[in-house]
């Protein structure tokens, strides 16, 4: 399998419970969605469960 064959595209609608005090998307929620999407791509590519061990940096 080529890496591009494991591409995942997710679309989310931000609801009020997923927003911060400024009314914008809460960074932790975005990070959770990123992790979920990456896990799906990793599963497709590796054909086995994968976990996120660490994230060095995310800047919003």
Protein backbone atom coordinates (compact mmCIF):
# COMPACT_ATOMS: atom_id res chain seq x y z
CA UNK A 1 0.00 0.00 0.00
CA UNK A 2 1.19 3.50 -0.78
CA UNK A 3 0.93 6.07 2.04
CA UNK A 4 -1.50 8.20 0.01
CA UNK A 5 -3.90 5.24 -0.10
CA UNK A 6 -4.37 5.56 3.66
CA UNK A 7 -5.52 9.19 3.41
CA UNK A 8 -8.36 10.12 5.76
CA UNK A 9 -10.57 13.19 5.48
CA UNK A 10 -12.87 13.97 8.40
CA UNK A 11 -15.27 16.90 8.63
CA UNK A 12 -16.56 18.16 11.95
CA UNK A 13 -19.17 20.77 12.82
CA UNK A 14 -18.07 22.78 15.83
CA UNK A 15 -20.86 22.96 18.40
CA UNK A 16 -21.00 25.31 21.44
CA UNK A 17 -19.71 22.63 23.87
CA UNK A 18 -16.53 22.42 21.77
CA UNK A 19 -15.76 26.13 21.96
CA UNK A 20 -13.67 28.14 24.40
CA UNK A 21 -14.43 31.44 26.15
CA UNK A 22 -13.67 33.30 22.89
CA UNK A 23 -16.27 31.30 20.98
CA UNK A 24 -13.66 29.54 18.85
CA UNK A 25 -12.84 25.86 18.69
CA UNK A 26 -11.21 24.52 21.86
CA UNK A 27 -7.64 23.45 21.07
CA UNK A 28 -7.95 20.21 23.02
CA UNK A 29 -10.92 19.18 20.88
CA UNK A 30 -9.03 19.92 17.68
CA UNK A 31 -6.09 17.88 18.96
CA UNK A 32 -8.39 14.96 19.80
CA UNK A 33 -9.83 15.04 16.28
CA UNK A 34 -6.33 15.19 14.80
CA UNK A 35 -5.30 12.17 16.87
CA UNK A 36 -8.40 10.22 15.85
CA UNK A 37 -7.84 10.97 12.17
CA UNK A 38 -4.17 10.02 12.40
CA UNK A 39 -5.10 6.75 14.13
CA UNK A 40 -7.46 5.84 11.29
CA UNK A 41 -4.74 6.54 8.70
CA UNK A 42 -2.19 4.54 10.70
CA UNK A 43 -4.58 1.60 11.02
CA UNK A 44 -5.22 1.60 7.27
CA UNK A 45 -1.52 1.77 6.46
CA UNK A 46 -0.11 -0.59 9.12
CA UNK A 47 -3.11 -2.94 9.31
CA UNK A 48 -2.71 -3.07 13.09
CA UNK A 49 -3.64 -0.86 16.01
CA UNK A 50 -1.35 2.11 16.59
CA UNK A 51 -1.26 4.57 19.46
CA UNK A 52 0.02 8.11 19.83
CA UNK A 53 3.04 8.01 22.11
CA UNK A 54 3.77 11.71 22.15
CA UNK A 55 3.26 15.00 20.39
CA UNK A 56 6.20 17.36 20.51
CA UNK A 57 4.37 20.59 19.84
CA UNK A 58 1.08 22.01 18.60
CA UNK A 59 0.61 25.74 18.21
CA UNK A 60 -2.82 27.22 17.59
